[in-house]
Protein backbone atom coordinates (compact mmCIF):
# COMPACT_ATOMS: atom_id res chain seq x y z
CA MET A 1 1.57 -73.95 28.71
CA LYS A 2 4.60 -76.25 29.15
CA TYR A 3 4.82 -76.57 25.38
CA LEU A 4 4.90 -72.78 24.92
CA PHE A 5 7.52 -72.41 27.66
CA SER A 6 9.69 -75.07 25.97
CA ILE A 7 9.52 -73.31 22.62
CA ILE A 8 10.40 -69.93 24.12
CA THR A 9 13.32 -71.44 26.06
CA ALA A 10 14.66 -73.17 22.93
CA LEU A 11 14.42 -69.95 20.92
CA LEU A 12 16.26 -67.97 23.58
CA LEU A 13 19.08 -70.53 23.81
CA THR A 14 19.58 -70.78 20.05
CA SER A 15 19.38 -67.02 19.51
CA CYS A 16 22.70 -66.54 21.33
CA VAL A 17 24.63 -68.05 18.42
CA SER A 18 24.41 -66.39 15.04
CA THR A 19 23.71 -68.71 12.13
CA GLN A 20 26.37 -66.90 10.12
CA SER A 21 29.92 -66.29 11.18
CA THR A 22 31.07 -62.67 11.31
CA LEU A 23 34.75 -63.68 11.23
CA LYS A 24 36.49 -61.98 8.32
CA ASN A 25 39.95 -63.60 8.33
CA VAL A 26 39.39 -67.36 8.40
CA ASP A 27 41.74 -69.29 6.11
CA ASN A 28 41.37 -73.07 6.28
CA THR A 29 44.55 -73.52 4.22
CA ALA A 30 46.74 -71.58 6.68
CA ILE A 31 49.61 -73.49 8.24
CA ARG A 32 50.42 -72.97 11.92
CA PRO A 33 53.99 -71.69 12.38
CA ALA A 34 56.80 -73.89 13.55
CA ILE A 35 57.51 -73.98 17.28
CA LYS A 36 61.04 -73.18 18.43
CA ASP A 37 62.12 -72.48 22.02
CA LYS A 38 58.48 -72.85 23.14
CA ALA A 39 57.38 -70.07 20.80
CA TYR A 40 55.70 -69.82 17.43
CA VAL A 41 58.17 -68.70 14.79
CA ILE A 42 56.16 -65.75 13.51
CA THR A 43 57.59 -64.35 10.28
CA GLU A 44 55.08 -61.78 9.05
CA TYR A 45 53.50 -58.59 10.31
CA ALA A 46 49.79 -57.89 9.94
CA THR A 47 48.99 -55.14 7.47
CA ASP A 48 45.41 -54.75 8.71
CA SER A 49 45.17 -52.70 11.91
CA LYS A 50 42.07 -54.71 12.91
CA TYR A 51 44.05 -57.98 13.07
CA GLY A 52 43.75 -59.25 16.65
CA TYR A 53 42.19 -55.99 17.88
CA ASP A 54 38.68 -56.62 16.54
CA GLN A 55 36.44 -59.57 17.43
CA ASP A 56 35.66 -60.06 13.72
CA TYR A 57 39.41 -60.19 12.90
CA PRO A 58 40.76 -62.40 15.70
CA ILE A 59 44.08 -64.20 15.78
CA ASN A 60 42.93 -67.58 14.45
CA ILE A 61 45.15 -70.30 15.93
CA GLY A 62 42.71 -73.20 15.42
CA PHE A 63 41.82 -75.98 14.88
CA ILE A 64 42.96 -77.00 18.33
CA HIS A 65 41.24 -78.79 21.18
CA GLU A 66 39.98 -76.42 23.86
CA LYS A 67 42.32 -78.06 26.39
CA GLN A 68 45.28 -76.91 24.25
CA GLU A 69 44.27 -73.25 24.24
CA ASP A 70 46.60 -72.16 27.05
CA ILE A 71 49.75 -73.70 25.57
CA ASN A 72 49.07 -72.39 22.07
CA ILE A 73 48.35 -68.88 23.37
CA GLU A 74 51.62 -69.11 25.32
CA TYR A 75 53.50 -70.14 22.15
CA TYR A 76 51.97 -67.16 20.36
CA PHE A 77 52.93 -64.62 23.00
CA ASN A 78 56.39 -66.17 23.41
CA GLY A 79 56.97 -65.26 19.76
CA LEU A 80 56.21 -61.57 20.33
CA GLN A 81 57.57 -58.60 22.22
CA GLY A 82 56.67 -54.96 22.57
CA PRO A 83 57.47 -52.52 19.77
CA ASN A 84 60.79 -51.63 21.42
CA GLY A 85 61.67 -55.12 22.60
CA GLU A 86 59.68 -54.96 25.86
CA LYS A 87 58.67 -58.19 27.55
CA ILE A 88 54.94 -58.79 27.50
CA SER A 89 52.55 -60.34 29.96
CA TYR A 90 48.98 -61.38 29.31
CA LYS A 91 45.90 -62.87 30.89
CA LYS A 92 42.60 -64.19 29.60
CA VAL A 93 39.79 -61.98 30.86
CA ASP A 94 36.68 -63.23 29.06
CA THR A 95 35.10 -64.98 26.11
CA CYS A 96 32.57 -63.55 23.75
CA CYS A 97 30.97 -63.60 20.40
CA PRO A 98 29.60 -67.12 19.78
CA PHE A 99 29.73 -68.17 16.13
CA PRO A 100 28.88 -71.37 14.26
CA SER A 101 31.81 -73.78 13.90
CA LYS A 102 32.13 -77.33 12.61
CA ASN A 103 35.31 -77.58 14.70
CA SER A 104 33.53 -77.63 18.05
CA LEU A 105 31.57 -80.47 19.61
CA MET A 106 28.91 -77.93 20.55
CA GLY A 107 28.62 -76.63 16.96
CA ALA A 108 29.72 -73.17 18.06
CA GLY A 109 32.98 -71.47 18.91
CA THR A 110 33.77 -68.42 20.99
CA ILE A 111 36.45 -65.75 20.92
CA GLY A 112 38.93 -65.52 23.79
CA ILE A 113 39.65 -62.02 25.06
CA TYR A 114 43.15 -61.36 26.43
CA GLU A 115 44.64 -58.29 28.11
CA VAL A 116 48.27 -57.66 27.22
CA PHE A 117 50.76 -55.45 29.04
CA PHE A 118 54.22 -54.26 28.02
CA GLU A 119 56.91 -54.25 30.70
CA GLY A 120 57.29 -50.74 32.14
CA SER A 121 53.84 -49.58 31.01
CA ALA A 122 50.45 -49.59 32.71
CA LYS A 123 48.66 -49.42 29.35
CA LYS A 124 46.67 -52.54 28.54
CA ILE A 125 45.92 -53.83 25.06
CA THR A 126 43.00 -56.14 24.29
CA LEU A 127 43.51 -58.92 21.75
CA TYR A 128 40.98 -61.44 20.46
CA PHE A 129 41.81 -65.13 19.79
CA ASN A 130 39.93 -67.89 18.01
CA ILE A 131 40.96 -71.50 18.64
CA PHE A 132 38.25 -73.04 16.47
CA GLU A 133 39.16 -71.71 13.01
CA LYS A 134 42.43 -71.40 11.14
CA GLY A 135 44.03 -68.25 9.81
CA LYS A 136 47.44 -66.83 9.07
CA ILE A 137 49.28 -66.26 12.35
CA LEU A 138 50.82 -62.81 12.19
CA CYS A 139 52.34 -60.19 14.46
CA PRO A 140 49.68 -57.55 15.18
CA LYS A 141 50.40 -53.85 14.80
CA GLY A 142 52.00 -52.37 17.92
CA PHE A 143 54.09 -55.50 18.60
CA SER A 144 57.34 -56.85 17.18
CA ILE A 145 58.49 -60.35 16.38
CA LYS A 146 60.86 -61.86 18.92
CA LYS A 147 63.86 -63.65 17.50
CA PRO A 148 64.18 -67.26 18.74
CA VAL A 149 66.76 -67.60 21.52
CA SER A 150 68.95 -69.93 19.44
CA ASP A 151 69.09 -67.27 16.66
CA THR A 152 70.48 -64.57 18.97
CA LYS A 153 73.73 -66.40 19.79
């Protein structure tokens, strides 16, 4: 009976992580943008409306250690603003969607879910982030690229 219980428990635990990744926009050759004024220097806009808005098309800022997630997310958001120049605020609300990853000690990564707000609006936007895999770091649709402070003088 203990043997059967052990097998069932093992199956349940391993069934939470898919053996195949559903991520569609991983690019291991992507180079993380430069950092200027505590912000990523983002230079391109996403052409795919799913970029960042869909768990299968997250904003891939990896490979970074999990302890560096907060600072790298901050650099990302510091490089963006609302479509009309609005300041943005954000908060992490959850994680989801385990996937296999060689870049995690556990052998699996998860997607971070963030709520984003534009100054002067109550509307919230949900964006998905992946710190375990690399991809081109772009400005998602509905946002604009903030010019670095030193470029506005």
